[in-house]
C-alpha atoms as a PDB file:
ATOM      1  CA  MET A   1       4.664  31.167  71.020  1.00  0.00           C
ATOM      2  CA  ALA A   2       7.727  29.969  69.050  1.00  0.00           C
ATOM      3  CA  SER A   3       7.623  30.457  65.242  1.00  0.00           C
ATOM      4  CA  THR A   4       5.979  27.624  63.311  1.00  0.00           C
ATOM      5  CA  ALA A   5       9.100  26.979  61.358  1.00  0.00           C
ATOM      6  CA  ALA A   6      11.109  26.260  64.529  1.00  0.00           C
ATOM      7  CA  LEU A   7       8.744  23.344  65.361  1.00  0.00           C
ATOM      8  CA  PHE A   8       9.684  21.360  62.319  1.00  0.00           C
ATOM      9  CA  ASP A   9      12.991  19.802  61.196  1.00  0.00           C
ATOM     10  CA  SER A  10      14.301  20.064  57.637  1.00  0.00           C
ATOM     11  CA  SER A  11      12.654  16.748  56.523  1.00  0.00           C
ATOM     12  CA  PHE A  12       9.263  18.046  57.498  1.00  0.00           C
ATOM     13  CA  VAL A  13       9.778  21.352  55.775  1.00  0.00           C
ATOM     14  CA  ALA A  14      10.658  19.589  52.452  1.00  0.00           C
ATOM     15  CA  ALA A  15       7.714  17.232  52.801  1.00  0.00           C
ATOM     16  CA  PHE A  16       5.291  20.080  53.642  1.00  0.00           C
ATOM     17  CA  HIS A  17       6.637  22.177  50.818  1.00  0.00           C
ATOM     18  CA  SER A  18       5.814  19.376  48.357  1.00  0.00           C
ATOM     19  CA  PHE A  19       2.288  19.119  49.958  1.00  0.00           C
ATOM     20  CA  GLN A  20       1.861  22.832  49.718  1.00  0.00           C
ATOM     21  CA  LEU A  21       2.702  22.918  46.032  1.00  0.00           C
ATOM     22  CA  LYS A  22       0.117  20.215  45.277  1.00  0.00           C
ATOM     23  CA  THR A  23      -2.705  21.578  47.455  1.00  0.00           C
ATOM     24  CA  GLY A  24      -2.231  25.358  47.704  1.00  0.00           C
ATOM     25  CA  TYR A  25      -2.271  25.253  51.552  1.00  0.00           C
ATOM     26  CA  SER A  26      -0.112  27.360  53.704  1.00  0.00           C
ATOM     27  CA  ILE A  27       0.920  27.211  57.389  1.00  0.00           C
ATOM     28  CA  LYS A  28      -0.715  29.762  59.769  1.00  0.00           C
ATOM     29  CA  GLU A  29       0.264  29.855  63.455  1.00  0.00           C
ATOM     30  CA  HIS A  30      -2.591  29.136  65.761  1.00  0.00           C
ATOM     31  CA  SER A  31      -1.825  28.501  69.428  1.00  0.00           C
ATOM     32  CA  ASN A  32      -5.145  26.908  70.150  1.00  0.00           C
ATOM     33  CA  TYR A  33      -4.776  24.220  67.517  1.00  0.00           C
ATOM     34  CA  LEU A  34      -3.270  20.879  68.507  1.00  0.00           C
ATOM     35  CA  PRO A  35      -3.471  18.526  65.532  1.00  0.00           C
ATOM     36  CA  LEU A  36      -2.936  14.796  65.866  1.00  0.00           C
ATOM     37  CA  VAL A  37      -0.175  14.096  63.350  1.00  0.00           C
ATOM     38  CA  HIS A  38       1.544  11.154  61.787  1.00  0.00           C
ATOM     39  CA  LEU A  39       3.758  10.289  58.777  1.00  0.00           C
ATOM     40  CA  SER A  40       2.177   6.950  57.787  1.00  0.00           C
ATOM     41  CA  PRO A  41       0.310   4.035  59.395  1.00  0.00           C
ATOM     42  CA  GLN A  42       3.644   2.246  59.788  1.00  0.00           C
ATOM     43  CA  SER A  43       5.122   5.175  61.677  1.00  0.00           C
ATOM     44  CA  PHE A  44       2.958   4.435  64.673  1.00  0.00           C
ATOM     45  CA  TYR A  45       1.522   1.475  66.482  1.00  0.00           C
ATOM     46  CA  ARG A  46      -2.181   1.848  65.652  1.00  0.00           C
ATOM     47  CA  THR A  47      -3.413   5.103  67.234  1.00  0.00           C
ATOM     48  CA  LYS A  48      -1.418   5.011  70.456  1.00  0.00           C
ATOM     49  CA  ASN A  49       1.616   6.769  69.084  1.00  0.00           C
ATOM     50  CA  ARG A  50      -0.194   9.593  67.339  1.00  0.00           C
ATOM     51  CA  ILE A  51       1.280  12.619  69.034  1.00  0.00           C
ATOM     52  CA  PRO A  52      -0.402  16.014  69.583  1.00  0.00           C
ATOM     53  CA  MET A  53       1.921  18.879  68.562  1.00  0.00           C
ATOM     54  CA  ALA A  54       1.287  22.554  69.192  1.00  0.00           C
ATOM     55  CA  GLY A  55       1.702  24.306  65.943  1.00  0.00           C
ATOM     56  CA  ALA A  56      -0.295  25.094  62.927  1.00  0.00           C
ATOM     57  CA  LYS A  57      -3.692  25.527  61.361  1.00  0.00           C
ATOM     58  CA  LEU A  58      -3.835  25.212  57.607  1.00  0.00           C
ATOM     59  CA  GLN A  59      -5.365  27.791  55.435  1.00  0.00           C
ATOM     60  CA  ASN A  60      -5.909  27.592  51.677  1.00  0.00           C
ATOM     61  CA  GLN A  61      -5.284  30.420  49.301  1.00  0.00           C
ATOM     62  CA  ARG A  62      -8.988  31.411  49.459  1.00  0.00           C
ATOM     63  CA  GLY A  63      -8.617  32.001  53.182  1.00  0.00           C
ATOM     64  CA  LYS A  64     -10.720  29.091  54.224  1.00  0.00           C
ATOM     65  CA  ASN A  65      -9.548  27.024  57.213  1.00  0.00           C
ATOM     66  CA  SER A  66      -9.129  23.331  56.760  1.00  0.00           C
ATOM     67  CA  THR A  67      -8.008  20.623  59.169  1.00  0.00           C
ATOM     68  CA  GLN A  68      -5.136  18.695  57.576  1.00  0.00           C
ATOM     69  CA  THR A  69      -2.739  16.035  58.839  1.00  0.00           C
ATOM     70  CA  LEU A  70       0.773  17.298  59.568  1.00  0.00           C
ATOM     71  CA  PHE A  71       3.892  15.229  60.039  1.00  0.00           C
ATOM     72  CA  ILE A  72       5.760  14.067  63.062  1.00  0.00           C
ATOM     73  CA  MET A  73       8.004  11.034  62.715  1.00  0.00           C
ATOM     74  CA  HIS A  74       8.311   8.397  65.435  1.00  0.00           C
ATOM     75  CA  ALA A  75       8.960   4.696  65.014  1.00  0.00           C
ATOM     76  CA  LYS A  76      10.542   1.828  66.835  1.00  0.00           C
ATOM     77  CA  VAL A  77      13.809  -0.086  66.721  1.00  0.00           C
ATOM     78  CA  PHE A  78      13.577  -3.814  67.384  1.00  0.00           C
ATOM     79  CA  GLN A  79      16.661  -5.762  68.374  1.00  0.00           C
ATOM     80  CA  ILE A  80      16.329  -9.262  66.798  1.00  0.00           C
ATOM     81  CA  THR A  81      19.094 -11.772  67.266  1.00  0.00           C
ATOM     82  CA  LYS A  82      19.861 -15.508  66.807  1.00  0.00           C
ATOM     83  CA  GLN A  83      21.020 -15.774  70.410  1.00  0.00           C
ATOM     84  CA  ARG A  84      19.373 -14.311  73.506  1.00  0.00           C
ATOM     85  CA  VAL A  85      21.467 -11.269  74.581  1.00  0.00           C
ATOM     86  CA  ASP A  86      22.369 -10.379  78.196  1.00  0.00           C
ATOM     87  CA  LYS A  87      21.431  -7.036  79.758  1.00  0.00           C
ATOM     88  CA  GLU A  88      24.826  -5.495  78.909  1.00  0.00           C
ATOM     89  CA  ASN A  89      24.221  -6.118  75.219  1.00  0.00           C
ATOM     90  CA  THR A  90      20.564  -5.212  75.062  1.00  0.00           C
ATOM     91  CA  LEU A  91      19.683  -2.320  72.849  1.00  0.00           C
ATOM     92  CA  ASP A  92      18.654   0.764  74.851  1.00  0.00           C
ATOM     93  CA  GLU A  93      18.013   4.479  74.251  1.00  0.00           C
ATOM     94  CA  ASN A  94      21.767   5.213  74.432  1.00  0.00           C
ATOM     95  CA  THR A  95      23.002   2.590  71.967  1.00  0.00           C
ATOM     96  CA  LEU A  96      22.467   4.323  68.668  1.00  0.00           C
ATOM     97  CA  THR A  97      24.181   7.512  67.434  1.00  0.00           C
ATOM     98  CA  GLN A  98      21.687  10.368  67.709  1.00  0.00           C
ATOM     99  CA  GLY A  99      21.483  14.084  66.967  1.00  0.00           C
ATOM    100  CA  ASP A 100      23.282  16.116  64.343  1.00  0.00           C
ATOM    101  CA  GLY A 101      24.497  14.044  61.434  1.00  0.00           C
ATOM    102  CA  SER A 102      22.503  11.004  62.472  1.00  0.00           C
ATOM    103  CA  PHE A 103      19.279   9.548  61.098  1.00  0.00           C
ATOM    104  CA  TYR A 104      17.916   9.526  64.645  1.00  0.00           C
ATOM    105  CA  ASP A 105      17.068  12.857  66.225  1.00  0.00           C
ATOM    106  CA  TYR A 106      16.727  11.120  69.571  1.00  0.00           C
ATOM    107  CA  CYS A 107      15.773   7.767  71.084  1.00  0.00           C
ATOM    108  CA  SER A 108      13.820   7.005  74.189  1.00  0.00           C
ATOM    109  CA  GLU A 109      12.824   3.925  76.287  1.00  0.00           C
ATOM    110  CA  ILE A 110       9.275   2.615  76.208  1.00  0.00           C
ATOM    111  CA  SER A 111       7.086   1.103  78.877  1.00  0.00           C
ATOM    112  CA  ASP A 112       6.772  -2.634  79.520  1.00  0.00           C
ATOM    113  CA  GLU A 113       3.185  -2.501  78.316  1.00  0.00           C
ATOM    114  CA  THR A 114       4.141  -0.775  75.058  1.00  0.00           C
ATOM    115  CA  ARG A 115       7.020  -3.196  74.585  1.00  0.00           C
ATOM    116  CA  LYS A 116       4.566  -6.174  74.858  1.00  0.00           C
ATOM    117  CA  GLU A 117       2.168  -4.593  72.415  1.00  0.00           C
ATOM    118  CA  MET A 118       4.945  -3.764  69.946  1.00  0.00           C
ATOM    119  CA  ILE A 119       6.241  -7.332  69.987  1.00  0.00           C
ATOM    120  CA  ASP A 120       2.785  -8.695  69.235  1.00  0.00           C
ATOM    121  CA  TYR A 121       2.553  -6.111  66.378  1.00  0.00           C
ATOM    122  CA  LEU A 122       5.968  -7.108  65.128  1.00  0.00           C
ATOM    123  CA  VAL A 123       5.188 -10.829  64.853  1.00  0.00           C
ATOM    124  CA  ASN A 124       1.545 -10.661  63.822  1.00  0.00           C
ATOM    125  CA  GLU A 125       1.346  -7.587  61.638  1.00  0.00           C
ATOM    126  CA  LEU A 126       4.705  -6.155  60.605  1.00  0.00           C
ATOM    127  CA  LEU A 127       6.570  -9.254  59.531  1.00  0.00           C
ATOM    128  CA  PRO A 128       5.406 -11.294  56.498  1.00  0.00           C
ATOM    129  CA  LYS A 129       2.200 -13.126  57.382  1.00  0.00           C
ATOM    130  CA  GLY A 130       2.645 -16.667  58.574  1.00  0.00           C
ATOM    131  CA  MET A 131       6.391 -16.653  58.581  1.00  0.00           C
ATOM    132  CA  PHE A 132       6.815 -16.291  62.343  1.00  0.00           C
ATOM    133  CA  THR A 133       5.082 -17.443  65.470  1.00  0.00           C
ATOM    134  CA  LEU A 134       5.498 -15.883  68.904  1.00  0.00           C
ATOM    135  CA  VAL A 135       6.409 -18.595  71.409  1.00  0.00           C
ATOM    136  CA  GLY A 136       7.410 -16.511  74.392  1.00  0.00           C
ATOM    137  CA  ILE A 137       7.371 -12.999  75.640  1.00  0.00           C
ATOM    138  CA  ASP A 138      10.563 -12.242  73.708  1.00  0.00           C
ATOM    139  CA  GLU A 139      11.010 -15.273  71.502  1.00  0.00           C
ATOM    140  CA  MET A 140       9.607 -16.166  68.035  1.00  0.00           C
ATOM    141  CA  VAL A 141      10.149 -19.070  65.688  1.00  0.00           C
ATOM    142  CA  TYR A 142      10.732 -18.844  61.949  1.00  0.00           C
ATOM    143  CA  ASN A 143       8.223 -21.086  60.155  1.00  0.00           C
ATOM    144  CA  GLY A 144       9.771 -20.888  56.684  1.00  0.00           C
ATOM    145  CA  GLY A 145       8.335 -19.252  53.604  1.00  0.00           C
ATOM    146  CA  ALA A 146      11.432 -17.299  52.381  1.00  0.00           C
ATOM    147  CA  ASP A 147      11.212 -18.553  48.815  1.00  0.00           C
ATOM    148  CA  GLU A 148       7.581 -17.449  48.454  1.00  0.00           C
ATOM    149  CA  TRP A 149       8.412 -14.057  50.064  1.00  0.00           C
ATOM    150  CA  LYS A 150      11.377 -13.518  47.845  1.00  0.00           C
ATOM    151  CA  ALA A 151       9.324 -14.250  44.747  1.00  0.00           C
ATOM    152  CA  LYS A 152       6.839 -11.559  45.789  1.00  0.00           C
ATOM    153  CA  TRP A 153       9.676  -9.091  46.499  1.00  0.00           C
ATOM    154  CA  VAL A 154      11.245  -9.770  43.131  1.00  0.00           C
ATOM    155  CA  LYS A 155       7.980  -9.054  41.410  1.00  0.00           C
ATOM    156  CA  ALA A 156       7.597  -5.819  43.345  1.00  0.00           C
ATOM    157  CA  ILE A 157      11.104  -4.772  42.355  1.00  0.00           C
ATOM    158  CA  HIS A 158      10.406  -5.520  38.704  1.00  0.00           C
ATOM    159  CA  ASP A 159       7.159  -3.519  38.914  1.00  0.00           C
ATOM    160  CA  LYS A 160       8.918  -0.515  40.399  1.00  0.00           C
ATOM    161  CA  ALA A 161      11.800  -0.745  37.904  1.00  0.00           C
ATOM    162  CA  GLY A 162       9.299  -0.935  35.064  1.00  0.00           C
ATOM    163  CA  GLU A 163       8.000   2.514  36.116  1.00  0.00           C
ATOM    164  CA  VAL A 164      11.350   4.240  35.591  1.00  0.00           C
ATOM    165  CA  THR A 165      11.751   5.969  32.199  1.00  0.00           C
ATOM    166  CA  THR A 166      14.135   8.356  30.642  1.00  0.00           C
ATOM    167  CA  GLU A 167      11.584  11.084  31.234  1.00  0.00           C
ATOM    168  CA  ASN A 168      11.145  10.474  35.051  1.00  0.00           C
ATOM    169  CA  VAL A 169      14.439   8.942  36.149  1.00  0.00           C
ATOM    170  CA  LEU A 170      15.636  12.144  37.736  1.00  0.00           C
ATOM    171  CA  ASP A 171      12.311  13.213  39.250  1.00  0.00           C
ATOM    172  CA  TRP A 172      12.387  14.114  42.940  1.00  0.00           C
ATOM    173  CA  ILE A 173      10.537  11.437  44.949  1.00  0.00           C
ATOM    174  CA  GLY A 174       9.712   9.784  41.556  1.00  0.00           C
ATOM    175  CA  PRO A 175       9.860   6.223  40.391  1.00  0.00           C
ATOM    176  CA  THR A 176      13.702   5.892  40.969  1.00  0.00           C
ATOM    177  CA  TYR A 177      13.233   6.961  44.617  1.00  0.00           C
ATOM    178  CA  GLN A 178      10.320   4.473  44.973  1.00  0.00           C
ATOM    179  CA  LEU A 179      12.472   1.694  43.535  1.00  0.00           C
ATOM    180  CA  GLU A 180      15.311   2.569  46.000  1.00  0.00           C
ATOM    181  CA  LYS A 181      12.836   2.435  48.894  1.00  0.00           C
ATOM    182  CA  GLU A 182      11.570  -1.002  47.710  1.00  0.00           C
ATOM    183  CA  LEU A 183      15.199  -2.353  47.626  1.00  0.00           C
ATOM    184  CA  LYS A 184      15.995  -1.011  51.116  1.00  0.00           C
ATOM    185  CA  ASN A 185      12.727  -1.488  52.800  1.00  0.00           C
ATOM    186  CA  PRO A 186      10.668  -4.429  51.404  1.00  0.00           C
ATOM    187  CA  LEU A 187       8.443  -4.489  54.495  1.00  0.00           C
ATOM    188  CA  HIS A 188       7.386  -0.940  53.853  1.00  0.00           C
ATOM    189  CA  THR A 189       7.755   0.185  57.473  1.00  0.00           C
ATOM    190  CA  ASP A 190       9.334   3.137  59.217  1.00  0.00           C
ATOM    191  CA  HIS A 191      10.504   0.778  61.996  1.00  0.00           C
ATOM    192  CA  HIS A 192      14.179  -0.209  62.048  1.00  0.00           C
ATOM    193  CA  PHE A 193      16.008  -3.397  63.112  1.00  0.00           C
ATOM    194  CA  TYR A 194      19.104  -3.850  65.207  1.00  0.00           C
ATOM    195  CA  LEU A 195      20.697  -7.243  64.466  1.00  0.00           C
ATOM    196  CA  SER A 196      23.836  -6.878  66.605  1.00  0.00           C
ATOM    197  CA  GLU A 197      24.280  -9.269  69.541  1.00  0.00           C
ATOM    198  CA  ASP A 198      27.077  -7.258  71.285  1.00  0.00           C
ATOM    199  CA  SER A 199      25.670  -3.744  71.205  1.00  0.00           C
ATOM    200  CA  CYS A 200      28.877  -2.416  69.484  1.00  0.00           C
ATOM    201  CA  GLN A 201      26.955  -1.318  66.417  1.00  0.00           C
ATOM    202  CA  SER A 202      25.833   2.322  66.620  1.00  0.00           C
ATOM    203  CA  TYR A 203      23.076   2.245  64.106  1.00  0.00           C
ATOM    204  CA  ALA A 204      20.027   0.167  63.095  1.00  0.00           C
ATOM    205  CA  GLU A 205      18.908  -0.807  59.683  1.00  0.00           C
ATOM    206  CA  PRO A 206      15.786  -0.926  57.445  1.00  0.00           C
ATOM    207  CA  SER A 207      13.925  -4.104  56.820  1.00  0.00           C
ATOM    208  CA  ALA A 208      15.991  -5.464  53.875  1.00  0.00           C
ATOM    209  CA  GLU A 209      18.842  -6.325  56.302  1.00  0.00           C
ATOM    210  CA  LEU A 210      16.426  -8.235  58.534  1.00  0.00           C
ATOM    211  CA  MET A 211      14.912 -10.151  55.695  1.00  0.00           C
ATOM    212  CA  GLU A 212      18.365 -11.070  54.369  1.00  0.00           C
ATOM    213  CA  MET A 213      19.172 -12.608  57.673  1.00  0.00           C
ATOM    214  CA  VAL A 214      15.736 -14.382  57.861  1.00  0.00           C
ATOM    215  CA  CYS A 215      16.108 -15.841  54.361  1.00  0.00           C
ATOM    216  CA  SER A 216      19.367 -17.499  55.384  1.00  0.00           C
ATOM    217  CA  LEU A 217      17.740 -19.412  58.216  1.00  0.00           C
ATOM    218  CA  PRO A 218      16.270 -22.954  58.231  1.00  0.00           C
ATOM    219  CA  ALA A 219      12.651 -23.288  59.223  1.00  0.00           C
ATOM    220  CA  GLY A 220      12.313 -23.874  62.928  1.00  0.00           C
ATOM    221  CA  THR A 221      15.025 -21.323  63.890  1.00  0.00           C
ATOM    222  CA  HIS A 222      14.220 -19.402  67.037  1.00  0.00           C
ATOM    223  CA  LEU A 223      14.949 -15.599  67.112  1.00  0.00           C
ATOM    224  CA  TYR A 224      15.021 -13.444  70.176  1.00  0.00           C
ATOM    225  CA  ILE A 225      13.697  -9.921  70.690  1.00  0.00           C
ATOM    226  CA  GLY A 226      16.056  -7.895  72.876  1.00  0.00           C
ATOM    227  CA  GLY A 227      15.666  -4.139  73.275  1.00  0.00           C
ATOM    228  CA  VAL A 228      12.801  -2.225  71.754  1.00  0.00           C
ATOM    229  CA  ILE A 229      13.087   1.526  71.759  1.00  0.00           C
ATOM    230  CA  ASP A 230      11.359   4.584  70.320  1.00  0.00           C
ATOM    231  CA  PHE A 231      13.034   7.028  67.979  1.00  0.00           C
ATOM    232  CA  HIS A 232      12.194  10.342  66.285  1.00  0.00           C
ATOM    233  CA  PHE A 233      13.554  11.144  62.876  1.00  0.00           C
END
């Protein structure tokens, strides 16, 4: 069996190291153990994307085994545009820059059934409640509500900023980092959004860019869902 370290990328190692420092657990190789693993509820669509990964059993410093959740990071990219895009300009698994030096380790296509489920999830769970209605298999209408949503976001930003002090401003994954996450990702999701209509853009973006576009639209605007792909990061 390959070494445990080889199964995880650097982001996992850093996250697990922090977990280890707080809990006293260490990784032990165990070829018969296949944990179901996930980063956060937003990383996956309900339970269907929880992925078994051969790897590790956790053992605390007293030598007692304990089943713990490890990390594997998958999410989706949604192409959302003001105009319906043709096939040539539809986001697919080859559109984004992947591999070394990229946020995306790799991208992959999804099934038609998963696409349908993910679009339903996008409109009815991921996006701000009540702001969108699905009116077709790949079309949604913006119902308004930007001012109310922005007021909630501003409050969240102020709350996060209020937690930053001279004592913790440089803490690793501390209040400053949490504030940065709030500014970039107000929907608190690992999913990304691709807003290009010509497929020339080689990267997708976190939710702040999507909400900036949405907040500029009049109520009643129709938006179209082009490609939906899976990515590992």
